[in-house]
């Protein structure tokens, strides 16, 4: 009876398994195969060229620029999102009137498409008729080409991505804070612990699972950032603000180098997997310490 029931449950997995194999696994394997060809993405004729795409990749200056920017988008956004998300969570975990409304307002940008959010901020930062430059002109200050200067553009993208998705961290940390028993804080107050000591020795250690989850999700999202960059700078000026995701898009659709784009996509995938595994192991090994 038990084996029959178990077999029925196994059958229920098959539709999901077939969907995974057809939509995720097969295209992934096909992409790996294409990375060893000179396919342009459109023609039916192509030939295998071995590791030539990978050799070209590591000699490409634009690849290194995009890789550096990917690290900035990933690590920069993640650090700022954790800081803002933790701050919001600590504030909105308190009992005061209107806190649910504030939670909804802070989380609301997460529900907006990254492309739409990028265009909204584009009209603030654009050089001609941008809201920010109009304010500078009103105060008799010189306007700046915020998005045309790589020094500004990269960090504006980080800021926009941070403001949009810090609500995710806030929700994760709120859930973690609400699972901590108040008896710990009451005992600490009796022992004379300051609020900072309570945060350091009670809140942070007990939030460890929430920190791992939030950090990992935000990092993966930042490393594969695409739509916000596309809307704000389109990878420009030139290739200065490209991430690996946008450079893959450029290589495939503009340059018609599908094999080269596939090789870059595989490198990005391996990099994200390695970073995620390292972070998970780092946090797991020191789970009792913080």
C-alpha atoms as a PDB file:
ATOM      1  CA  UNK A   1       0.000   0.000   0.000  1.00  0.00           C
ATOM      2  CA  UNK A   2       2.782   2.368   0.973  1.00  0.00           C
ATOM      3  CA  UNK A   3       4.810   1.572  -2.186  1.00  0.00           C
ATOM      4  CA  UNK A   4       1.747   2.138  -4.368  1.00  0.00           C
ATOM      5  CA  UNK A   5       1.119   5.498  -2.745  1.00  0.00           C
ATOM      6  CA  UNK A   6       4.802   6.460  -3.153  1.00  0.00           C
ATOM      7  CA  UNK A   7       4.703   5.525  -6.849  1.00  0.00           C
ATOM      8  CA  UNK A   8       1.616   7.740  -7.346  1.00  0.00           C
ATOM      9  CA  UNK A   9       3.413  10.678  -5.718  1.00  0.00           C
ATOM     10  CA  UNK A  10       6.430  10.110  -7.982  1.00  0.00           C
ATOM     11  CA  UNK A  11       4.202  10.314 -11.053  1.00  0.00           C
ATOM     12  CA  UNK A  12       3.087  13.760  -9.890  1.00  0.00           C
ATOM     13  CA  UNK A  13       6.656  14.996 -10.279  1.00  0.00           C
ATOM     14  CA  UNK A  14       6.868  14.089 -13.944  1.00  0.00           C
ATOM     15  CA  UNK A  15       5.159  17.171 -15.488  1.00  0.00           C
ATOM     16  CA  UNK A  16       7.421  19.521 -13.535  1.00  0.00           C
ATOM     17  CA  UNK A  17      10.464  17.387 -14.411  1.00  0.00           C
ATOM     18  CA  UNK A  18       9.617  17.420 -18.142  1.00  0.00           C
ATOM     19  CA  UNK A  19       9.103  21.193 -18.049  1.00  0.00           C
ATOM     20  CA  UNK A  20      12.459  21.648 -16.323  1.00  0.00           C
ATOM     21  CA  UNK A  21      14.239  19.423 -18.839  1.00  0.00           C
ATOM     22  CA  UNK A  22      12.603  21.117 -21.826  1.00  0.00           C
ATOM     23  CA  UNK A  23      12.711  24.764 -20.736  1.00  0.00           C
ATOM     24  CA  UNK A  24      15.866  24.925 -18.601  1.00  0.00           C
ATOM     25  CA  UNK A  25      18.160  21.928 -18.920  1.00  0.00           C
ATOM     26  CA  UNK A  26      18.076  21.335 -22.687  1.00  0.00           C
ATOM     27  CA  UNK A  27      18.586  25.042 -23.602  1.00  0.00           C
ATOM     28  CA  UNK A  28      21.458  25.161 -21.104  1.00  0.00           C
ATOM     29  CA  UNK A  29      23.194  22.192 -22.737  1.00  0.00           C
ATOM     30  CA  UNK A  30      22.448  23.620 -26.189  1.00  0.00           C
ATOM     31  CA  UNK A  31      24.021  26.935 -25.126  1.00  0.00           C
ATOM     32  CA  UNK A  32      27.189  25.128 -24.031  1.00  0.00           C
ATOM     33  CA  UNK A  33      27.358  23.428 -27.448  1.00  0.00           C
ATOM     34  CA  UNK A  34      26.835  26.723 -29.281  1.00  0.00           C
ATOM     35  CA  UNK A  35      29.686  28.308 -27.297  1.00  0.00           C
ATOM     36  CA  UNK A  36      32.110  26.076 -29.220  1.00  0.00           C
ATOM     37  CA  UNK A  37      30.868  27.298 -32.618  1.00  0.00           C
ATOM     38  CA  UNK A  38      31.058  30.418 -34.772  1.00  0.00           C
ATOM     39  CA  UNK A  39      27.261  30.628 -35.140  1.00  0.00           C
ATOM     40  CA  UNK A  40      25.968  34.155 -35.778  1.00  0.00           C
ATOM     41  CA  UNK A  41      22.543  33.474 -34.257  1.00  0.00           C
ATOM     42  CA  UNK A  42      20.590  33.485 -37.530  1.00  0.00           C
ATOM     43  CA  UNK A  43      22.250  31.368 -40.192  1.00  0.00           C
ATOM     44  CA  UNK A  44      21.712  27.620 -40.377  1.00  0.00           C
ATOM     45  CA  UNK A  45      25.363  27.135 -41.281  1.00  0.00           C
ATOM     46  CA  UNK A  46      28.060  27.191 -38.624  1.00  0.00           C
ATOM     47  CA  UNK A  47      31.146  25.215 -37.714  1.00  0.00           C
ATOM     48  CA  UNK A  48      32.855  24.102 -34.508  1.00  0.00           C
ATOM     49  CA  UNK A  49      35.889  26.169 -33.577  1.00  0.00           C
ATOM     50  CA  UNK A  50      36.867  24.593 -30.266  1.00  0.00           C
ATOM     51  CA  UNK A  51      37.873  26.994 -27.488  1.00  0.00           C
ATOM     52  CA  UNK A  52      38.412  29.998 -29.783  1.00  0.00           C
ATOM     53  CA  UNK A  53      35.467  31.917 -28.260  1.00  0.00           C
ATOM     54  CA  UNK A  54      36.881  31.425 -24.767  1.00  0.00           C
ATOM     55  CA  UNK A  55      40.367  32.506 -25.856  1.00  0.00           C
ATOM     56  CA  UNK A  56      38.891  35.614 -27.447  1.00  0.00           C
ATOM     57  CA  UNK A  57      36.842  36.259 -24.334  1.00  0.00           C
ATOM     58  CA  UNK A  58      39.837  36.562 -22.038  1.00  0.00           C
ATOM     59  CA  UNK A  59      41.615  38.878 -24.480  1.00  0.00           C
ATOM     60  CA  UNK A  60      38.598  41.187 -24.824  1.00  0.00           C
ATOM     61  CA  UNK A  61      38.974  44.545 -23.020  1.00  0.00           C
ATOM     62  CA  UNK A  62      35.216  45.046 -23.032  1.00  0.00           C
ATOM     63  CA  UNK A  63      34.777  41.746 -21.206  1.00  0.00           C
ATOM     64  CA  UNK A  64      37.026  42.904 -18.350  1.00  0.00           C
ATOM     65  CA  UNK A  65      35.191  46.239 -18.118  1.00  0.00           C
ATOM     66  CA  UNK A  66      31.861  44.407 -17.966  1.00  0.00           C
ATOM     67  CA  UNK A  67      33.230  41.916 -15.421  1.00  0.00           C
ATOM     68  CA  UNK A  68      34.435  44.738 -13.162  1.00  0.00           C
ATOM     69  CA  UNK A  69      31.054  46.474 -13.449  1.00  0.00           C
ATOM     70  CA  UNK A  70      29.267  43.205 -12.698  1.00  0.00           C
ATOM     71  CA  UNK A  71      31.197  42.936  -9.434  1.00  0.00           C
ATOM     72  CA  UNK A  72      30.315  46.541  -8.575  1.00  0.00           C
ATOM     73  CA  UNK A  73      26.627  45.996  -9.356  1.00  0.00           C
ATOM     74  CA  UNK A  74      26.571  42.732  -7.437  1.00  0.00           C
ATOM     75  CA  UNK A  75      28.581  43.594  -4.326  1.00  0.00           C
ATOM     76  CA  UNK A  76      27.699  47.303  -4.212  1.00  0.00           C
ATOM     77  CA  UNK A  77      23.952  46.758  -4.506  1.00  0.00           C
ATOM     78  CA  UNK A  78      24.044  43.885  -2.027  1.00  0.00           C
ATOM     79  CA  UNK A  79      25.904  45.803   0.674  1.00  0.00           C
ATOM     80  CA  UNK A  80      23.644  48.847   0.377  1.00  0.00           C
ATOM     81  CA  UNK A  81      20.504  46.701   0.211  1.00  0.00           C
ATOM     82  CA  UNK A  82      21.480  44.856   3.396  1.00  0.00           C
ATOM     83  CA  UNK A  83      22.174  48.129   5.202  1.00  0.00           C
ATOM     84  CA  UNK A  84      18.946  49.819   4.119  1.00  0.00           C
ATOM     85  CA  UNK A  85      16.864  46.657   4.506  1.00  0.00           C
ATOM     86  CA  UNK A  86      18.154  46.050   8.037  1.00  0.00           C
ATOM     87  CA  UNK A  87      17.555  49.680   8.995  1.00  0.00           C
ATOM     88  CA  UNK A  88      14.003  49.651   7.660  1.00  0.00           C
ATOM     89  CA  UNK A  89      13.288  46.321   9.359  1.00  0.00           C
ATOM     90  CA  UNK A  90      14.531  47.528  12.746  1.00  0.00           C
ATOM     91  CA  UNK A  91      12.466  50.704  12.413  1.00  0.00           C
ATOM     92  CA  UNK A  92       9.271  49.063  11.159  1.00  0.00           C
ATOM     93  CA  UNK A  93       9.458  46.203  13.654  1.00  0.00           C
ATOM     94  CA  UNK A  94       8.450  48.729  16.305  1.00  0.00           C
ATOM     95  CA  UNK A  95       4.804  49.198  17.249  1.00  0.00           C
ATOM     96  CA  UNK A  96       3.567  52.566  15.960  1.00  0.00           C
ATOM     97  CA  UNK A  97       0.680  53.873  13.906  1.00  0.00           C
ATOM     98  CA  UNK A  98       1.106  53.631  10.128  1.00  0.00           C
ATOM     99  CA  UNK A  99       3.912  51.050  10.109  1.00  0.00           C
ATOM    100  CA  UNK A 100       2.001  48.704   7.758  1.00  0.00           C
ATOM    101  CA  UNK A 101       1.528  51.572   5.310  1.00  0.00           C
ATOM    102  CA  UNK A 102       5.249  52.355   5.406  1.00  0.00           C
ATOM    103  CA  UNK A 103       6.116  48.690   4.874  1.00  0.00           C
ATOM    104  CA  UNK A 104       3.921  48.649   1.769  1.00  0.00           C
ATOM    105  CA  UNK A 105       5.456  51.884   0.417  1.00  0.00           C
ATOM    106  CA  UNK A 106       9.026  50.611   0.859  1.00  0.00           C
ATOM    107  CA  UNK A 107       8.209  47.241  -0.728  1.00  0.00           C
ATOM    108  CA  UNK A 108       6.152  48.726  -3.588  1.00  0.00           C
ATOM    109  CA  UNK A 109       9.130  49.359  -5.989  1.00  0.00           C
ATOM    110  CA  UNK A 110       9.876  45.614  -5.982  1.00  0.00           C
ATOM    111  CA  UNK A 111       6.573  45.064  -7.821  1.00  0.00           C
ATOM    112  CA  UNK A 112       7.581  47.438 -10.626  1.00  0.00           C
ATOM    113  CA  UNK A 113       9.502  46.125 -13.632  1.00  0.00           C
ATOM    114  CA  UNK A 114      13.207  46.945 -13.497  1.00  0.00           C
ATOM    115  CA  UNK A 115      12.935  48.350 -17.028  1.00  0.00           C
ATOM    116  CA  UNK A 116      10.121  50.723 -16.062  1.00  0.00           C
ATOM    117  CA  UNK A 117      11.924  51.752 -12.879  1.00  0.00           C
ATOM    118  CA  UNK A 118      15.046  52.452 -14.921  1.00  0.00           C
ATOM    119  CA  UNK A 119      13.148  54.700 -17.334  1.00  0.00           C
ATOM    120  CA  UNK A 120      11.549  56.581 -14.424  1.00  0.00           C
ATOM    121  CA  UNK A 121      14.984  57.387 -13.040  1.00  0.00           C
ATOM    122  CA  UNK A 122      16.299  58.107 -16.536  1.00  0.00           C
ATOM    123  CA  UNK A 123      14.018  61.142 -16.771  1.00  0.00           C
ATOM    124  CA  UNK A 124      15.524  62.377 -13.511  1.00  0.00           C
ATOM    125  CA  UNK A 125      19.171  61.926 -14.472  1.00  0.00           C
ATOM    126  CA  UNK A 126      19.160  62.646 -18.218  1.00  0.00           C
ATOM    127  CA  UNK A 127      21.240  65.619 -19.340  1.00  0.00           C
ATOM    128  CA  UNK A 128      18.612  67.510 -21.338  1.00  0.00           C
ATOM    129  CA  UNK A 129      15.448  68.355 -19.390  1.00  0.00           C
ATOM    130  CA  UNK A 130      16.337  65.942 -16.596  1.00  0.00           C
ATOM    131  CA  UNK A 131      14.733  66.830 -13.271  1.00  0.00           C
ATOM    132  CA  UNK A 132      18.029  66.831 -11.387  1.00  0.00           C
ATOM    133  CA  UNK A 133      19.759  69.135 -13.876  1.00  0.00           C
ATOM    134  CA  UNK A 134      16.725  71.446 -13.881  1.00  0.00           C
ATOM    135  CA  UNK A 135      17.124  71.790 -10.117  1.00  0.00           C
ATOM    136  CA  UNK A 136      20.842  72.567 -10.512  1.00  0.00           C
ATOM    137  CA  UNK A 137      20.086  75.200 -13.158  1.00  0.00           C
ATOM    138  CA  UNK A 138      17.428  76.729 -10.893  1.00  0.00           C
ATOM    139  CA  UNK A 139      20.141  77.263  -8.256  1.00  0.00           C
ATOM    140  CA  UNK A 140      22.546  78.682 -10.891  1.00  0.00           C
ATOM    141  CA  UNK A 141      24.720  75.547 -10.879  1.00  0.00           C
ATOM    142  CA  UNK A 142      26.160  73.838 -13.953  1.00  0.00           C
ATOM    143  CA  UNK A 143      24.241  70.765 -15.185  1.00  0.00           C
ATOM    144  CA  UNK A 144      26.117  67.481 -15.366  1.00  0.00           C
ATOM    145  CA  UNK A 145      25.978  64.574 -17.752  1.00  0.00           C
ATOM    146  CA  UNK A 146      25.128  62.077 -15.031  1.00  0.00           C
ATOM    147  CA  UNK A 147      24.542  59.072 -17.271  1.00  0.00           C
ATOM    148  CA  UNK A 148      27.149  59.967 -19.900  1.00  0.00           C
ATOM    149  CA  UNK A 149      29.985  59.914 -17.359  1.00  0.00           C
ATOM    150  CA  UNK A 150      31.008  56.334 -16.435  1.00  0.00           C
ATOM    151  CA  UNK A 151      32.102  57.465 -12.955  1.00  0.00           C
ATOM    152  CA  UNK A 152      28.550  58.604 -12.258  1.00  0.00           C
ATOM    153  CA  UNK A 153      26.608  56.153 -14.413  1.00  0.00           C
ATOM    154  CA  UNK A 154      27.811  52.932 -12.782  1.00  0.00           C
ATOM    155  CA  UNK A 155      27.040  54.134  -9.263  1.00  0.00           C
ATOM    156  CA  UNK A 156      23.681  55.615 -10.294  1.00  0.00           C
ATOM    157  CA  UNK A 157      22.748  52.139 -11.533  1.00  0.00           C
ATOM    158  CA  UNK A 158      23.843  50.694  -8.167  1.00  0.00           C
ATOM    159  CA  UNK A 159      21.748  53.307  -6.335  1.00  0.00           C
ATOM    160  CA  UNK A 160      18.629  52.701  -8.442  1.00  0.00           C
ATOM    161  CA  UNK A 161      18.927  48.917  -8.053  1.00  0.00           C
ATOM    162  CA  UNK A 162      19.430  49.341  -4.299  1.00  0.00           C
ATOM    163  CA  UNK A 163      16.387  51.573  -3.832  1.00  0.00           C
ATOM    164  CA  UNK A 164      14.199  49.257  -5.872  1.00  0.00           C
ATOM    165  CA  UNK A 165      15.056  45.985  -4.146  1.00  0.00           C
ATOM    166  CA  UNK A 166      15.948  46.951  -0.571  1.00  0.00           C
ATOM    167  CA  UNK A 167      12.305  46.110   0.237  1.00  0.00           C
ATOM    168  CA  UNK A 168      13.137  42.430  -0.323  1.00  0.00           C
ATOM    169  CA  UNK A 169      15.804  42.573   2.377  1.00  0.00           C
ATOM    170  CA  UNK A 170      13.418  44.483   4.645  1.00  0.00           C
ATOM    171  CA  UNK A 171      10.752  41.755   4.412  1.00  0.00           C
ATOM    172  CA  UNK A 172      13.289  38.975   5.046  1.00  0.00           C
ATOM    173  CA  UNK A 173      14.746  40.770   8.061  1.00  0.00           C
ATOM    174  CA  UNK A 174      11.286  41.627   9.409  1.00  0.00           C
ATOM    175  CA  UNK A 175      10.369  37.948   9.316  1.00  0.00           C
ATOM    176  CA  UNK A 176      13.605  37.120  11.142  1.00  0.00           C
ATOM    177  CA  UNK A 177      13.095  39.819  13.784  1.00  0.00           C
ATOM    178  CA  UNK A 178       9.538  38.722  14.512  1.00  0.00           C
ATOM    179  CA  UNK A 179      10.732  35.175  15.154  1.00  0.00           C
ATOM    180  CA  UNK A 180      13.087  36.319  17.945  1.00  0.00           C
ATOM    181  CA  UNK A 181      11.544  35.914  21.382  1.00  0.00           C
ATOM    182  CA  UNK A 182      11.217  39.124  23.418  1.00  0.00           C
ATOM    183  CA  UNK A 183      12.364  37.229  26.502  1.00  0.00           C
ATOM    184  CA  UNK A 184      15.976  37.463  25.239  1.00  0.00           C
ATOM    185  CA  UNK A 185      15.822  41.251  25.200  1.00  0.00           C
ATOM    186  CA  UNK A 186      14.064  41.394  28.595  1.00  0.00           C
ATOM    187  CA  UNK A 187      16.802  39.251  30.139  1.00  0.00           C
ATOM    188  CA  UNK A 188      19.490  41.413  28.515  1.00  0.00           C
ATOM    189  CA  UNK A 189      17.874  44.612  29.834  1.00  0.00           C
ATOM    190  CA  UNK A 190      17.819  43.146  33.344  1.00  0.00           C
ATOM    191  CA  UNK A 191      21.547  42.431  32.996  1.00  0.00           C
ATOM    192  CA  UNK A 192      22.109  46.068  31.931  1.00  0.00           C
ATOM    193  CA  UNK A 193      22.879  45.507  28.252  1.00  0.00           C
ATOM    194  CA  UNK A 194      22.713  48.608  26.065  1.00  0.00           C
ATOM    195  CA  UNK A 195      20.629  48.640  22.825  1.00  0.00           C
ATOM    196  CA  UNK A 196      23.857  48.332  20.811  1.00  0.00           C
ATOM    197  CA  UNK A 197      24.958  45.292  22.851  1.00  0.00           C
ATOM    198  CA  UNK A 198      21.515  43.725  22.412  1.00  0.00           C
ATOM    199  CA  UNK A 199      21.786  44.213  18.654  1.00  0.00           C
ATOM    200  CA  UNK A 200      25.308  42.773  18.530  1.00  0.00           C
ATOM    201  CA  UNK A 201      24.863  39.756  20.808  1.00  0.00           C
ATOM    202  CA  UNK A 202      21.169  38.881  20.326  1.00  0.00           C
ATOM    203  CA  UNK A 203      19.737  40.312  17.100  1.00  0.00           C
ATOM    204  CA  UNK A 204      22.607  39.664  14.681  1.00  0.00           C
ATOM    205  CA  UNK A 205      23.364  36.049  15.714  1.00  0.00           C
ATOM    206  CA  UNK A 206      19.668  35.086  15.636  1.00  0.00           C
ATOM    207  CA  UNK A 207      19.238  36.793  12.252  1.00  0.00           C
ATOM    208  CA  UNK A 208      21.955  34.649  10.700  1.00  0.00           C
ATOM    209  CA  UNK A 209      19.565  32.569   8.516  1.00  0.00           C
ATOM    210  CA  UNK A 210      17.837  35.761   7.306  1.00  0.00           C
ATOM    211  CA  UNK A 211      21.208  37.395   6.539  1.00  0.00           C
ATOM    212  CA  UNK A 212      22.314  34.372   4.495  1.00  0.00           C
ATOM    213  CA  UNK A 213      19.064  34.342   2.504  1.00  0.00           C
ATOM    214  CA  UNK A 214      18.939  38.090   1.878  1.00  0.00           C
ATOM    215  CA  UNK A 215      22.621  38.418   1.004  1.00  0.00           C
ATOM    216  CA  UNK A 216      22.534  35.494  -1.436  1.00  0.00           C
ATOM    217  CA  UNK A 217      19.349  36.615  -3.215  1.00  0.00           C
ATOM    218  CA  UNK A 218      20.515  40.221  -3.555  1.00  0.00           C
ATOM    219  CA  UNK A 219      23.973  39.189  -4.746  1.00  0.00           C
ATOM    220  CA  UNK A 220      22.627  36.890  -7.454  1.00  0.00           C
ATOM    221  CA  UNK A 221      20.212  39.600  -8.581  1.00  0.00           C
ATOM    222  CA  UNK A 222      22.977  42.198  -8.732  1.00  0.00           C
ATOM    223  CA  UNK A 223      25.406  39.973 -10.623  1.00  0.00           C
ATOM    224  CA  UNK A 224      22.873  39.287 -13.392  1.00  0.00           C
ATOM    225  CA  UNK A 225      21.499  42.854 -13.495  1.00  0.00           C
ATOM    226  CA  UNK A 226      20.240  43.720 -16.973  1.00  0.00           C
ATOM    227  CA  UNK A 227      17.020  45.723 -17.305  1.00  0.00           C
ATOM    228  CA  UNK A 228      17.989  48.701 -15.126  1.00  0.00           C
ATOM    229  CA  UNK A 229      21.257  49.140 -17.053  1.00  0.00           C
ATOM    230  CA  UNK A 230      19.415  48.848 -20.361  1.00  0.00           C
ATOM    231  CA  UNK A 231      16.982  51.605 -19.412  1.00  0.00           C
ATOM    232  CA  UNK A 232      19.441  54.026 -17.809  1.00  0.00           C
ATOM    233  CA  UNK A 233      22.609  53.897 -19.936  1.00  0.00           C
ATOM    234  CA  UNK A 234      22.159  51.025 -22.423  1.00  0.00           C
ATOM    235  CA  UNK A 235      25.688  50.028 -21.411  1.00  0.00           C
ATOM    236  CA  UNK A 236      27.175  53.373 -22.480  1.00  0.00           C
ATOM    237  CA  UNK A 237      28.909  55.559 -23.050  1.00  0.00           C
ATOM    238  CA  UNK A 238      30.464  53.013 -25.397  1.00  0.00           C
ATOM    239  CA  UNK A 239      30.869  49.872 -23.270  1.00  0.00           C
ATOM    240  CA  UNK A 240      31.695  51.708 -20.027  1.00  0.00           C
ATOM    241  CA  UNK A 241      28.663  50.704 -17.923  1.00  0.00           C
ATOM    242  CA  UNK A 242      27.948  47.270 -19.389  1.00  0.00           C
ATOM    243  CA  UNK A 243      27.490  44.299 -17.120  1.00  0.00           C
ATOM    244  CA  UNK A 244      28.165  40.795 -18.408  1.00  0.00           C
ATOM    245  CA  UNK A 245      24.423  40.370 -19.002  1.00  0.00           C
ATOM    246  CA  UNK A 246      24.150  43.462 -21.208  1.00  0.00           C
ATOM    247  CA  UNK A 247      27.403  42.623 -23.004  1.00  0.00           C
ATOM    248  CA  UNK A 248      25.976  39.183 -23.830  1.00  0.00           C
ATOM    249  CA  UNK A 249      22.937  40.932 -25.296  1.00  0.00           C
ATOM    250  CA  UNK A 250      25.129  43.276 -27.349  1.00  0.00           C
ATOM    251  CA  UNK A 251      27.308  40.421 -28.618  1.00  0.00           C
ATOM    252  CA  UNK A 252      24.310  38.400 -29.731  1.00  0.00           C
ATOM    253  CA  UNK A 253      21.992  41.004 -31.261  1.00  0.00           C
ATOM    254  CA  UNK A 254      24.313  43.808 -32.390  1.00  0.00           C
ATOM    255  CA  UNK A 255      27.456  41.922 -33.296  1.00  0.00           C
ATOM    256  CA  UNK A 256      25.690  38.682 -34.329  1.00  0.00           C
ATOM    257  CA  UNK A 257      28.152  36.516 -32.394  1.00  0.00           C
ATOM    258  CA  UNK A 258      25.890  33.919 -30.794  1.00  0.00           C
ATOM    259  CA  UNK A 259      28.762  31.513 -30.115  1.00  0.00           C
ATOM    260  CA  UNK A 260      30.776  34.227 -28.383  1.00  0.00           C
ATOM    261  CA  UNK A 261      27.715  35.370 -26.400  1.00  0.00           C
ATOM    262  CA  UNK A 262      27.044  31.770 -25.324  1.00  0.00           C
ATOM    263  CA  UNK A 263      30.626  31.420 -24.078  1.00  0.00           C
ATOM    264  CA  UNK A 264      30.244  34.626 -22.076  1.00  0.00           C
ATOM    265  CA  UNK A 265      26.925  33.408 -20.668  1.00  0.00           C
ATOM    266  CA  UNK A 266      28.514  30.158 -19.506  1.00  0.00           C
ATOM    267  CA  UNK A 267      31.339  32.074 -17.800  1.00  0.00           C
ATOM    268  CA  UNK A 268      28.768  34.280 -16.027  1.00  0.00           C
ATOM    269  CA  UNK A 269      26.792  31.223 -14.917  1.00  0.00           C
ATOM    270  CA  UNK A 270      29.872  29.475 -13.512  1.00  0.00           C
ATOM    271  CA  UNK A 271      30.970  32.674 -11.764  1.00  0.00           C
ATOM    272  CA  UNK A 272      27.573  33.166 -10.059  1.00  0.00           C
ATOM    273  CA  UNK A 273      27.430  29.505  -8.980  1.00  0.00           C
ATOM    274  CA  UNK A 274      30.969  29.663  -7.518  1.00  0.00           C
ATOM    275  CA  UNK A 275      30.291  32.928  -5.661  1.00  0.00           C
ATOM    276  CA  UNK A 276      27.042  31.553  -4.233  1.00  0.00           C
ATOM    277  CA  UNK A 277      28.681  28.330  -3.041  1.00  0.00           C
ATOM    278  CA  UNK A 278      31.558  30.235  -1.420  1.00  0.00           C
ATOM    279  CA  UNK A 279      29.159  32.567   0.410  1.00  0.00           C
ATOM    280  CA  UNK A 280      26.988  29.698   1.602  1.00  0.00           C
ATOM    281  CA  UNK A 281      30.018  27.799   2.917  1.00  0.00           C
ATOM    282  CA  UNK A 282      31.460  30.903   4.551  1.00  0.00           C
ATOM    283  CA  UNK A 283      28.255  31.612   6.435  1.00  0.00           C
ATOM    284  CA  UNK A 284      27.632  27.967   7.315  1.00  0.00           C
ATOM    285  CA  UNK A 285      31.115  27.403   8.752  1.00  0.00           C
ATOM    286  CA  UNK A 286      30.793  30.422  11.042  1.00  0.00           C
ATOM    287  CA  UNK A 287      27.137  30.019  11.864  1.00  0.00           C
ATOM    288  CA  UNK A 288      27.725  30.149  15.601  1.00  0.00           C
ATOM    289  CA  UNK A 289      29.943  33.181  15.353  1.00  0.00           C
ATOM    290  CA  UNK A 290      29.035  36.755  14.590  1.00  0.00           C
END
